[in-house]
Amino acid sequence: MILYLVIPAYNEEAILEHTAKKLKEKMDNLIEQKEISPKSKVMFVDDGSKDLTWEIITNLNKENTLFSGVKLSCNKGHQFALLAGLMEAKKDADVVISMDADLQDDINVIDKMLKEYKDGNEIVYGVRSSRKKDTFFKRTTAQMFYKLMRFLGVNIIYNHADCRLMSKKVLDELENFKEVNLFLRGIIPLIGFKSNIVYYERGIRIAGESKYPLKKMFSFAMDGITSFSIKPLRLILVMGTFILIISIAIMLYALIVKILGHTVAGWTFLTISVWFIGGVQMISIGIIGEYIGKIYNETKSRPRYIIEKVIK
């Protein structure tokens, strides 16, 4: 069984050599135990880094052919870098495991995943057992995101990021998904096949900085929601209907008061109503705009990534 580890990397010069050392130890151990073929590799995907990430990958490859590399022509984002690595790896691999370059994902989960694969599972999801090491803000927002996705009808694995095992059969099917608005956590469950979950304790980043600040996390969440659910559009319709009913009730009240000869006192109420309805309209237009933007990007059919160089 040929195993490829696909590791997206963006400006990871501070940690890449440490990551390579740990992964080499793990792969050598698996090869020695004859769990995987000596042809197995660790494939780093440089997502258009501006530091020495690619130079480090190149040197690792020269020192040991266990390491291979894919260099994208420019920064395309984590999901596209991961997809590029998966599509390159499936050309030679029987099974592929994806992990982050910071190794916050416990590398010992690889053993659990391989066991599940041998038991007949084509997809194995790595799920963190807890979020105790996260900040309160990150833990709360992450849990809200997963619950919101479930509420919107998206089939997503709770607390699963992009640490997963996929067989060649699964990757062949993944290649048929051509969308530009890429959200792999939502796409993979759509493929089907027998799957299972393994749990691991997520560690802390020992060097470098997180590549997912608040702005990127919000953008990622919006991509996930608008790429896999039209419920926000339906909620606009429900909200509009509700406001219409309230407006009719207010109109009837105003007419009755006028007929009875009372003065309609309502500058405060009127001001609040105008601002409230205006805000609802702007939010609604923004949500619709997100979906129109998605359609616009999809219709252009531009390449999702461009590979500049591959070293094996």
C-alpha atoms as a PDB file:
ATOM      1  CA  MET A   1       0.000   0.000   0.000  1.00  0.00           C
ATOM      2  CA  ILE A   2       1.492   3.300  -1.123  1.00  0.00           C
ATOM      3  CA  LEU A   3       0.669   6.110   1.313  1.00  0.00           C
ATOM      4  CA  TYR A   4       1.075   9.806   0.559  1.00  0.00           C
ATOM      5  CA  LEU A   5       0.885  12.463   3.254  1.00  0.00           C
ATOM      6  CA  VAL A   6      -0.258  15.748   1.706  1.00  0.00           C
ATOM      7  CA  ILE A   7       0.816  18.810   3.710  1.00  0.00           C
ATOM      8  CA  PRO A   8      -0.215  22.295   2.466  1.00  0.00           C
ATOM      9  CA  ALA A   9       2.256  24.978   3.536  1.00  0.00           C
ATOM     10  CA  TYR A  10       2.148  28.757   3.320  1.00  0.00           C
ATOM     11  CA  ASN A  11       5.048  30.746   4.825  1.00  0.00           C
ATOM     12  CA  GLU A  12       5.997  27.864   7.106  1.00  0.00           C
ATOM     13  CA  GLU A  13       9.789  28.223   7.100  1.00  0.00           C
ATOM     14  CA  ALA A  14       9.838  28.422  10.911  1.00  0.00           C
ATOM     15  CA  ILE A  15       8.347  24.980  11.427  1.00  0.00           C
ATOM     16  CA  LEU A  16       8.783  23.004   8.209  1.00  0.00           C
ATOM     17  CA  GLU A  17      12.059  21.268   9.076  1.00  0.00           C
ATOM     18  CA  HIS A  18      10.678  20.193  12.461  1.00  0.00           C
ATOM     19  CA  THR A  19       7.539  18.879  10.738  1.00  0.00           C
ATOM     20  CA  ALA A  20       9.615  16.984   8.172  1.00  0.00           C
ATOM     21  CA  LYS A  21      11.680  15.357  10.923  1.00  0.00           C
ATOM     22  CA  LYS A  22       8.598  14.137  12.801  1.00  0.00           C
ATOM     23  CA  LEU A  23       6.912  12.854   9.656  1.00  0.00           C
ATOM     24  CA  LYS A  24      10.071  11.052   8.529  1.00  0.00           C
ATOM     25  CA  GLU A  25      10.233   9.218  11.848  1.00  0.00           C
ATOM     26  CA  LYS A  26       6.604   8.177  11.524  1.00  0.00           C
ATOM     27  CA  MET A  27       6.896   7.085   7.875  1.00  0.00           C
ATOM     28  CA  ASP A  28      10.149   5.175   8.476  1.00  0.00           C
ATOM     29  CA  ASN A  29       8.487   3.360  11.351  1.00  0.00           C
ATOM     30  CA  LEU A  30       5.468   2.405   9.235  1.00  0.00           C
ATOM     31  CA  ILE A  31       7.713   1.204   6.393  1.00  0.00           C
ATOM     32  CA  GLU A  32       9.826  -0.822   8.821  1.00  0.00           C
ATOM     33  CA  GLN A  33       6.679  -2.476  10.195  1.00  0.00           C
ATOM     34  CA  LYS A  34       5.599  -3.162   6.586  1.00  0.00           C
ATOM     35  CA  GLU A  35       2.386  -1.240   7.116  1.00  0.00           C
ATOM     36  CA  ILE A  36       3.081   0.847   4.003  1.00  0.00           C
ATOM     37  CA  SER A  37       5.226   0.569   0.875  1.00  0.00           C
ATOM     38  CA  PRO A  38       8.765   2.042   0.697  1.00  0.00           C
ATOM     39  CA  LYS A  39       7.399   4.034  -2.271  1.00  0.00           C
ATOM     40  CA  SER A  40       5.272   6.081   0.146  1.00  0.00           C
ATOM     41  CA  LYS A  41       5.991   9.818   0.345  1.00  0.00           C
ATOM     42  CA  VAL A  42       5.434  13.059   2.216  1.00  0.00           C
ATOM     43  CA  MET A  43       4.211  15.674  -0.263  1.00  0.00           C
ATOM     44  CA  PHE A  44       4.486  19.324   0.753  1.00  0.00           C
ATOM     45  CA  VAL A  45       2.390  21.802  -1.248  1.00  0.00           C
ATOM     46  CA  ASP A  46       3.807  25.327  -1.300  1.00  0.00           C
ATOM     47  CA  ASP A  47       0.852  27.691  -1.638  1.00  0.00           C
ATOM     48  CA  GLY A  48       2.814  30.567  -3.155  1.00  0.00           C
ATOM     49  CA  SER A  49       4.865  31.273  -0.027  1.00  0.00           C
ATOM     50  CA  LYS A  50       6.874  34.496   0.221  1.00  0.00           C
ATOM     51  CA  ASP A  51       9.511  33.086   2.563  1.00  0.00           C
ATOM     52  CA  LEU A  52      11.958  30.154   2.237  1.00  0.00           C
ATOM     53  CA  THR A  53       9.294  27.436   2.331  1.00  0.00           C
ATOM     54  CA  TRP A  54       9.965  26.180  -1.208  1.00  0.00           C
ATOM     55  CA  GLU A  55      13.740  26.248  -0.744  1.00  0.00           C
ATOM     56  CA  ILE A  56      13.346  24.089   2.363  1.00  0.00           C
ATOM     57  CA  ILE A  57      11.096  21.647   0.495  1.00  0.00           C
ATOM     58  CA  THR A  58      13.646  21.441  -2.330  1.00  0.00           C
ATOM     59  CA  ASN A  59      16.483  20.728   0.118  1.00  0.00           C
ATOM     60  CA  LEU A  60      14.429  18.066   1.894  1.00  0.00           C
ATOM     61  CA  ASN A  61      13.854  16.358  -1.452  1.00  0.00           C
ATOM     62  CA  LYS A  62      17.580  16.414  -2.261  1.00  0.00           C
ATOM     63  CA  GLU A  63      18.414  14.891   1.122  1.00  0.00           C
ATOM     64  CA  ASN A  64      15.735  12.205   1.039  1.00  0.00           C
ATOM     65  CA  THR A  65      13.393  11.107  -1.752  1.00  0.00           C
ATOM     66  CA  LEU A  66      10.768  10.385   0.895  1.00  0.00           C
ATOM     67  CA  PHE A  67       9.914  14.070   0.496  1.00  0.00           C
ATOM     68  CA  SER A  68       8.311  15.486  -2.628  1.00  0.00           C
ATOM     69  CA  GLY A  69       6.901  18.921  -3.384  1.00  0.00           C
ATOM     70  CA  VAL A  70       4.332  20.808  -5.395  1.00  0.00           C
ATOM     71  CA  LYS A  71       4.728  24.551  -5.938  1.00  0.00           C
ATOM     72  CA  LEU A  72       1.707  26.636  -6.923  1.00  0.00           C
ATOM     73  CA  SER A  73       2.305  29.656  -9.147  1.00  0.00           C
ATOM     74  CA  CYS A  74       0.724  31.990  -6.568  1.00  0.00           C
ATOM     75  CA  ASN A  75      -1.158  31.924  -3.285  1.00  0.00           C
ATOM     76  CA  LYS A  76      -4.599  30.362  -3.834  1.00  0.00           C
ATOM     77  CA  GLY A  77      -5.604  29.532  -0.271  1.00  0.00           C
ATOM     78  CA  HIS A  78      -5.470  26.418   1.898  1.00  0.00           C
ATOM     79  CA  GLN A  79      -8.351  24.553   0.233  1.00  0.00           C
ATOM     80  CA  PHE A  80      -6.964  24.901  -3.293  1.00  0.00           C
ATOM     81  CA  ALA A  81      -3.433  24.026  -2.176  1.00  0.00           C
ATOM     82  CA  LEU A  82      -4.803  20.916  -0.489  1.00  0.00           C
ATOM     83  CA  LEU A  83      -6.802  19.966  -3.585  1.00  0.00           C
ATOM     84  CA  ALA A  84      -3.728  20.420  -5.800  1.00  0.00           C
ATOM     85  CA  GLY A  85      -1.732  18.096  -3.551  1.00  0.00           C
ATOM     86  CA  LEU A  86      -4.502  15.487  -3.446  1.00  0.00           C
ATOM     87  CA  MET A  87      -4.841  15.426  -7.221  1.00  0.00           C
ATOM     88  CA  GLU A  88      -1.078  15.076  -7.681  1.00  0.00           C
ATOM     89  CA  ALA A  89      -0.752  12.424  -4.983  1.00  0.00           C
ATOM     90  CA  LYS A  90      -3.525  10.209  -6.368  1.00  0.00           C
ATOM     91  CA  LYS A  91      -1.484   9.602  -9.508  1.00  0.00           C
ATOM     92  CA  ASP A  92       0.829   7.306  -7.551  1.00  0.00           C
ATOM     93  CA  ALA A  93      -0.799   6.640  -4.171  1.00  0.00           C
ATOM     94  CA  ASP A  94      -3.267   4.003  -3.034  1.00  0.00           C
ATOM     95  CA  VAL A  95      -4.302   6.114  -0.074  1.00  0.00           C
ATOM     96  CA  VAL A  96      -3.727   9.752   0.921  1.00  0.00           C
ATOM     97  CA  ILE A  97      -3.799  11.424   4.333  1.00  0.00           C
ATOM     98  CA  SER A  98      -3.950  15.216   4.583  1.00  0.00           C
ATOM     99  CA  MET A  99      -2.633  17.154   7.588  1.00  0.00           C
ATOM    100  CA  ASP A 100      -1.639  20.725   8.442  1.00  0.00           C
ATOM    101  CA  ALA A 101       2.000  21.769   8.326  1.00  0.00           C
ATOM    102  CA  ASP A 102       2.045  22.913  11.956  1.00  0.00           C
ATOM    103  CA  LEU A 103       1.426  19.312  13.111  1.00  0.00           C
ATOM    104  CA  GLN A 104      -1.229  20.383  15.583  1.00  0.00           C
ATOM    105  CA  ASP A 105      -2.929  17.270  14.263  1.00  0.00           C
ATOM    106  CA  ASP A 106      -1.430  14.353  16.199  1.00  0.00           C
ATOM    107  CA  ILE A 107       0.651  12.295  13.733  1.00  0.00           C
ATOM    108  CA  ASN A 108      -0.159   9.128  15.704  1.00  0.00           C
ATOM    109  CA  VAL A 109      -3.664   9.394  14.269  1.00  0.00           C
ATOM    110  CA  ILE A 110      -2.113   8.048  11.035  1.00  0.00           C
ATOM    111  CA  ASP A 111      -1.921   4.577  12.590  1.00  0.00           C
ATOM    112  CA  LYS A 112      -5.610   4.703  13.548  1.00  0.00           C
ATOM    113  CA  MET A 113      -6.584   5.859  10.073  1.00  0.00           C
ATOM    114  CA  LEU A 114      -4.639   3.085   8.355  1.00  0.00           C
ATOM    115  CA  LYS A 115      -6.310   0.513  10.597  1.00  0.00           C
ATOM    116  CA  GLU A 116      -9.736   1.852   9.656  1.00  0.00           C
ATOM    117  CA  TYR A 117      -8.769   1.788   5.976  1.00  0.00           C
ATOM    118  CA  LYS A 118      -7.712  -1.857   6.250  1.00  0.00           C
ATOM    119  CA  ASP A 119     -11.088  -2.539   7.862  1.00  0.00           C
ATOM    120  CA  GLY A 120     -12.765  -1.363   4.657  1.00  0.00           C
ATOM    121  CA  ASN A 121     -13.314   2.361   5.189  1.00  0.00           C
ATOM    122  CA  GLU A 122     -12.592   4.482   2.110  1.00  0.00           C
ATOM    123  CA  ILE A 123     -12.744   7.768   4.077  1.00  0.00           C
ATOM    124  CA  VAL A 124     -11.535   8.268   7.644  1.00  0.00           C
ATOM    125  CA  TYR A 125     -12.214  11.612   9.314  1.00  0.00           C
ATOM    126  CA  GLY A 126      -9.816  12.890  11.975  1.00  0.00           C
ATOM    127  CA  VAL A 127     -11.855  14.637  14.657  1.00  0.00           C
ATOM    128  CA  ARG A 128     -10.383  16.512  17.602  1.00  0.00           C
ATOM    129  CA  SER A 129     -11.554  15.083  20.918  1.00  0.00           C
ATOM    130  CA  SER A 130     -11.828  18.487  22.623  1.00  0.00           C
ATOM    131  CA  ARG A 131     -11.211  22.224  22.190  1.00  0.00           C
ATOM    132  CA  LYS A 132      -9.774  22.894  25.648  1.00  0.00           C
ATOM    133  CA  LYS A 133      -6.602  24.410  24.187  1.00  0.00           C
ATOM    134  CA  ASP A 134      -8.502  26.939  22.069  1.00  0.00           C
ATOM    135  CA  THR A 135      -9.260  30.435  23.289  1.00  0.00           C
ATOM    136  CA  PHE A 136     -12.819  31.035  24.493  1.00  0.00           C
ATOM    137  CA  PHE A 137     -13.543  33.122  21.376  1.00  0.00           C
ATOM    138  CA  LYS A 138     -12.214  30.553  18.909  1.00  0.00           C
ATOM    139  CA  ARG A 139     -13.912  27.653  20.699  1.00  0.00           C
ATOM    140  CA  THR A 140     -17.262  29.456  20.815  1.00  0.00           C
ATOM    141  CA  THR A 141     -17.212  30.665  17.193  1.00  0.00           C
ATOM    142  CA  ALA A 142     -16.123  27.250  15.895  1.00  0.00           C
ATOM    143  CA  GLN A 143     -18.938  25.486  17.710  1.00  0.00           C
ATOM    144  CA  MET A 144     -21.431  28.078  16.465  1.00  0.00           C
ATOM    145  CA  PHE A 145     -20.197  27.521  12.906  1.00  0.00           C
ATOM    146  CA  TYR A 146     -20.665  23.745  13.001  1.00  0.00           C
ATOM    147  CA  LYS A 147     -24.100  24.055  14.607  1.00  0.00           C
ATOM    148  CA  LEU A 148     -25.151  26.677  12.060  1.00  0.00           C
ATOM    149  CA  MET A 149     -24.016  24.457   9.179  1.00  0.00           C
ATOM    150  CA  ARG A 150     -26.038  21.566  10.597  1.00  0.00           C
ATOM    151  CA  PHE A 151     -29.069  23.863  11.014  1.00  0.00           C
ATOM    152  CA  LEU A 152     -28.761  24.904   7.367  1.00  0.00           C
ATOM    153  CA  GLY A 153     -28.852  21.265   6.309  1.00  0.00           C
ATOM    154  CA  VAL A 154     -25.171  20.802   5.430  1.00  0.00           C
ATOM    155  CA  ASN A 155     -23.781  17.309   6.056  1.00  0.00           C
ATOM    156  CA  ILE A 156     -20.583  18.209   7.903  1.00  0.00           C
ATOM    157  CA  ILE A 157     -18.551  16.284  10.474  1.00  0.00           C
ATOM    158  CA  TYR A 158     -18.575  18.110  13.824  1.00  0.00           C
ATOM    159  CA  ASN A 159     -15.111  19.333  14.939  1.00  0.00           C
ATOM    160  CA  HIS A 160     -13.476  17.923  11.788  1.00  0.00           C
ATOM    161  CA  ALA A 161     -11.077  20.151   9.889  1.00  0.00           C
ATOM    162  CA  ASP A 162      -8.961  18.775   7.018  1.00  0.00           C
ATOM    163  CA  CYS A 163      -7.183  15.889   8.709  1.00  0.00           C
ATOM    164  CA  ARG A 164      -8.547  12.888   6.841  1.00  0.00           C
ATOM    165  CA  LEU A 165      -7.700   9.723   4.945  1.00  0.00           C
ATOM    166  CA  MET A 166      -9.064   9.102   1.453  1.00  0.00           C
ATOM    167  CA  SER A 167      -8.540   6.166  -0.856  1.00  0.00           C
ATOM    168  CA  LYS A 168      -7.687   6.512  -4.547  1.00  0.00           C
ATOM    169  CA  LYS A 169     -11.288   5.587  -5.362  1.00  0.00           C
ATOM    170  CA  VAL A 170     -12.555   8.555  -3.348  1.00  0.00           C
ATOM    171  CA  LEU A 171     -10.024  10.933  -4.896  1.00  0.00           C
ATOM    172  CA  ASP A 172     -11.066   9.859  -8.389  1.00  0.00           C
ATOM    173  CA  GLU A 173     -14.625  10.884  -7.505  1.00  0.00           C
ATOM    174  CA  LEU A 174     -13.469  14.104  -5.859  1.00  0.00           C
ATOM    175  CA  GLU A 175     -11.893  15.120  -9.159  1.00  0.00           C
ATOM    176  CA  ASN A 176     -15.400  15.214 -10.670  1.00  0.00           C
ATOM    177  CA  PHE A 177     -16.397  18.078  -8.367  1.00  0.00           C
ATOM    178  CA  LYS A 178     -15.531  21.139 -10.438  1.00  0.00           C
ATOM    179  CA  GLU A 179     -16.783  24.016  -8.268  1.00  0.00           C
ATOM    180  CA  VAL A 180     -14.589  27.054  -7.864  1.00  0.00           C
ATOM    181  CA  ASN A 181     -16.034  27.915  -4.433  1.00  0.00           C
ATOM    182  CA  LEU A 182     -14.197  25.110  -2.689  1.00  0.00           C
ATOM    183  CA  PHE A 183     -15.210  23.826   0.738  1.00  0.00           C
ATOM    184  CA  LEU A 184     -13.783  20.323   1.101  1.00  0.00           C
ATOM    185  CA  ARG A 185     -15.333  19.690   4.519  1.00  0.00           C
ATOM    186  CA  GLY A 186     -18.728  19.849   2.848  1.00  0.00           C
ATOM    187  CA  ILE A 187     -17.787  18.117  -0.416  1.00  0.00           C
ATOM    188  CA  ILE A 188     -16.129  14.976   0.978  1.00  0.00           C
ATOM    189  CA  PRO A 189     -19.248  13.675   2.801  1.00  0.00           C
ATOM    190  CA  LEU A 190     -21.201  14.076  -0.461  1.00  0.00           C
ATOM    191  CA  ILE A 191     -18.973  11.504  -2.161  1.00  0.00           C
ATOM    192  CA  GLY A 192     -20.285   8.705   0.010  1.00  0.00           C
ATOM    193  CA  PHE A 193     -18.515   5.315   0.389  1.00  0.00           C
ATOM    194  CA  LYS A 194     -17.933   3.620   3.716  1.00  0.00           C
ATOM    195  CA  SER A 195     -16.399   5.970   6.279  1.00  0.00           C
ATOM    196  CA  ASN A 196     -15.542   6.254   9.951  1.00  0.00           C
ATOM    197  CA  ILE A 197     -14.207   8.725  12.515  1.00  0.00           C
ATOM    198  CA  VAL A 198     -11.053   8.576  14.639  1.00  0.00           C
ATOM    199  CA  TYR A 199     -10.394  10.979  17.509  1.00  0.00           C
ATOM    200  CA  TYR A 200      -7.174  12.711  18.521  1.00  0.00           C
ATOM    201  CA  GLU A 201      -5.982  15.421  20.874  1.00  0.00           C
ATOM    202  CA  ARG A 202      -5.006  18.556  18.980  1.00  0.00           C
ATOM    203  CA  GLY A 203      -1.706  20.079  20.076  1.00  0.00           C
ATOM    204  CA  ILE A 204      -0.411  23.640  20.090  1.00  0.00           C
ATOM    205  CA  ARG A 205       1.586  25.320  17.341  1.00  0.00           C
ATOM    206  CA  ILE A 206       5.256  25.308  18.380  1.00  0.00           C
ATOM    207  CA  ALA A 207       6.457  27.925  15.867  1.00  0.00           C
ATOM    208  CA  GLY A 208       5.209  30.342  13.254  1.00  0.00           C
ATOM    209  CA  GLU A 209       1.801  31.998  13.146  1.00  0.00           C
ATOM    210  CA  SER A 210      -1.698  30.745  12.426  1.00  0.00           C
ATOM    211  CA  LYS A 211      -2.708  31.231   8.784  1.00  0.00           C
ATOM    212  CA  TYR A 212      -6.360  31.631   9.771  1.00  0.00           C
ATOM    213  CA  PRO A 213      -6.892  35.033  11.419  1.00  0.00           C
ATOM    214  CA  LEU A 214     -10.441  36.226  12.175  1.00  0.00           C
ATOM    215  CA  LYS A 215     -10.954  37.741   8.708  1.00  0.00           C
ATOM    216  CA  LYS A 216     -10.037  34.487   6.925  1.00  0.00           C
ATOM    217  CA  MET A 217     -12.106  32.407   9.342  1.00  0.00           C
ATOM    218  CA  PHE A 218     -15.161  34.561   8.606  1.00  0.00           C
ATOM    219  CA  SER A 219     -14.583  34.342   4.847  1.00  0.00           C
ATOM    220  CA  PHE A 220     -14.132  30.558   5.112  1.00  0.00           C
ATOM    221  CA  ALA A 221     -17.388  30.245   7.067  1.00  0.00           C
ATOM    222  CA  MET A 222     -19.283  32.331   4.503  1.00  0.00           C
ATOM    223  CA  ASP A 223     -17.935  30.155   1.673  1.00  0.00           C
ATOM    224  CA  GLY A 224     -19.068  27.035   3.479  1.00  0.00           C
ATOM    225  CA  ILE A 225     -22.563  28.351   4.167  1.00  0.00           C
ATOM    226  CA  THR A 226     -23.306  29.858   0.757  1.00  0.00           C
ATOM    227  CA  SER A 227     -21.733  26.972  -1.192  1.00  0.00           C
ATOM    228  CA  PHE A 228     -23.855  24.270   0.429  1.00  0.00           C
ATOM    229  CA  SER A 229     -27.186  25.764   1.511  1.00  0.00           C
ATOM    230  CA  ILE A 230     -29.891  28.000   0.052  1.00  0.00           C
ATOM    231  CA  LYS A 231     -31.662  28.294   3.410  1.00  0.00           C
ATOM    232  CA  PRO A 232     -30.406  31.882   3.936  1.00  0.00           C
ATOM    233  CA  LEU A 233     -32.357  32.863   0.795  1.00  0.00           C
ATOM    234  CA  ARG A 234     -35.462  31.142   2.135  1.00  0.00           C
ATOM    235  CA  LEU A 235     -35.011  32.881   5.486  1.00  0.00           C
ATOM    236  CA  ILE A 236     -35.111  36.220   3.645  1.00  0.00           C
ATOM    237  CA  LEU A 237     -38.524  35.242   2.241  1.00  0.00           C
ATOM    238  CA  VAL A 238     -39.772  34.208   5.694  1.00  0.00           C
ATOM    239  CA  MET A 239     -38.436  37.408   7.244  1.00  0.00           C
ATOM    240  CA  GLY A 240     -39.994  39.525   4.494  1.00  0.00           C
ATOM    241  CA  THR A 241     -43.368  37.831   5.012  1.00  0.00           C
ATOM    242  CA  PHE A 242     -43.152  38.402   8.779  1.00  0.00           C
ATOM    243  CA  ILE A 243     -42.339  42.099   8.323  1.00  0.00           C
ATOM    244  CA  LEU A 244     -45.213  42.429   5.818  1.00  0.00           C
ATOM    245  CA  ILE A 245     -47.673  41.002   8.368  1.00  0.00           C
ATOM    246  CA  ILE A 246     -46.417  43.412  11.033  1.00  0.00           C
ATOM    247  CA  SER A 247     -46.680  46.308   8.558  1.00  0.00           C
ATOM    248  CA  ILE A 248     -50.309  45.444   7.783  1.00  0.00           C
ATOM    249  CA  ALA A 249     -51.095  45.309  11.502  1.00  0.00           C
ATOM    250  CA  ILE A 250     -49.462  48.713  12.050  1.00  0.00           C
ATOM    251  CA  MET A 251     -51.358  50.160   9.073  1.00  0.00           C
ATOM    252  CA  LEU A 252     -54.691  48.935  10.450  1.00  0.00           C
ATOM    253  CA  TYR A 253     -53.832  50.362  13.875  1.00  0.00           C
ATOM    254  CA  ALA A 254     -52.911  53.735  12.361  1.00  0.00           C
ATOM    255  CA  LEU A 255     -56.197  53.853  10.347  1.00  0.00           C
ATOM    256  CA  ILE A 256     -58.305  52.972  13.384  1.00  0.00           C
ATOM    257  CA  VAL A 257     -56.597  55.637  15.508  1.00  0.00           C
ATOM    258  CA  LYS A 258     -57.134  58.228  12.763  1.00  0.00           C
ATOM    259  CA  ILE A 259     -60.815  57.300  12.337  1.00  0.00           C
ATOM    260  CA  LEU A 260     -61.311  57.674  16.096  1.00  0.00           C
ATOM    261  CA  GLY A 261     -59.856  61.176  15.824  1.00  0.00           C
ATOM    262  CA  HIS A 262     -56.710  60.641  17.852  1.00  0.00           C
ATOM    263  CA  THR A 263     -53.343  62.111  16.884  1.00  0.00           C
ATOM    264  CA  VAL A 264     -50.858  59.543  15.739  1.00  0.00           C
ATOM    265  CA  ALA A 265     -47.801  60.065  17.923  1.00  0.00           C
ATOM    266  CA  GLY A 266     -45.037  58.163  16.371  1.00  0.00           C
ATOM    267  CA  TRP A 267     -41.831  59.922  15.354  1.00  0.00           C
ATOM    268  CA  THR A 268     -39.729  57.573  17.493  1.00  0.00           C
ATOM    269  CA  PHE A 269     -41.617  54.515  16.291  1.00  0.00           C
ATOM    270  CA  LEU A 270     -41.467  55.679  12.681  1.00  0.00           C
ATOM    271  CA  THR A 271     -37.709  56.353  12.867  1.00  0.00           C
ATOM    272  CA  ILE A 272     -36.994  52.966  14.414  1.00  0.00           C
ATOM    273  CA  SER A 273     -39.189  51.232  11.817  1.00  0.00           C
ATOM    274  CA  VAL A 274     -37.448  52.928   8.884  1.00  0.00           C
ATOM    275  CA  TRP A 275     -33.977  52.096  10.187  1.00  0.00           C
ATOM    276  CA  PHE A 276     -34.958  48.531  11.050  1.00  0.00           C
ATOM    277  CA  ILE A 277     -36.509  47.788   7.669  1.00  0.00           C
ATOM    278  CA  GLY A 278     -33.597  49.524   5.917  1.00  0.00           C
ATOM    279  CA  GLY A 279     -31.120  47.336   7.827  1.00  0.00           C
ATOM    280  CA  VAL A 280     -33.059  44.179   6.980  1.00  0.00           C
ATOM    281  CA  GLN A 281     -33.081  45.171   3.312  1.00  0.00           C
ATOM    282  CA  MET A 282     -29.336  45.794   3.260  1.00  0.00           C
ATOM    283  CA  ILE A 283     -28.613  42.446   4.937  1.00  0.00           C
ATOM    284  CA  SER A 284     -30.942  40.697   2.487  1.00  0.00           C
ATOM    285  CA  ILE A 285     -29.275  42.327  -0.499  1.00  0.00           C
ATOM    286  CA  GLY A 286     -25.874  41.326   0.916  1.00  0.00           C
ATOM    287  CA  ILE A 287     -26.910  37.677   1.263  1.00  0.00           C
ATOM    288  CA  ILE A 288     -28.320  37.627  -2.264  1.00  0.00           C
ATOM    289  CA  GLY A 289     -25.113  39.302  -3.463  1.00  0.00           C
ATOM    290  CA  GLU A 290     -23.034  36.481  -1.934  1.00  0.00           C
ATOM    291  CA  TYR A 291     -24.931  33.919  -3.979  1.00  0.00           C
ATOM    292  CA  ILE A 292     -24.748  36.015  -7.150  1.00  0.00           C
ATOM    293  CA  GLY A 293     -20.992  36.352  -6.597  1.00  0.00           C
ATOM    294  CA  LYS A 294     -20.715  32.573  -6.297  1.00  0.00           C
ATOM    295  CA  ILE A 295     -22.595  32.141  -9.581  1.00  0.00           C
ATOM    296  CA  TYR A 296     -20.331  34.747 -11.224  1.00  0.00           C
ATOM    297  CA  ASN A 297     -17.168  32.921 -10.122  1.00  0.00           C
ATOM    298  CA  GLU A 298     -18.490  29.540 -11.240  1.00  0.00           C
ATOM    299  CA  THR A 299     -19.536  30.712 -14.720  1.00  0.00           C
ATOM    300  CA  LYS A 300     -16.045  32.026 -15.528  1.00  0.00           C
ATOM    301  CA  SER A 301     -14.630  28.491 -15.115  1.00  0.00           C
ATOM    302  CA  ARG A 302     -11.122  29.734 -14.389  1.00  0.00           C
ATOM    303  CA  PRO A 303      -8.465  27.232 -13.234  1.00  0.00           C
ATOM    304  CA  ARG A 304      -8.721  26.633  -9.497  1.00  0.00           C
ATOM    305  CA  TYR A 305      -4.918  26.471  -9.188  1.00  0.00           C
ATOM    306  CA  ILE A 306      -1.855  26.493 -11.413  1.00  0.00           C
ATOM    307  CA  ILE A 307       1.112  24.237 -10.606  1.00  0.00           C
ATOM    308  CA  GLU A 308       4.458  25.858 -11.318  1.00  0.00           C
ATOM    309  CA  LYS A 309       6.732  22.980 -10.364  1.00  0.00           C
ATOM    310  CA  VAL A 310       6.639  19.402  -9.066  1.00  0.00           C
ATOM    311  CA  ILE A 311       9.569  17.556  -7.504  1.00  0.00           C
ATOM    312  CA  LYS A 312       9.418  13.820  -6.795  1.00  0.00           C
END
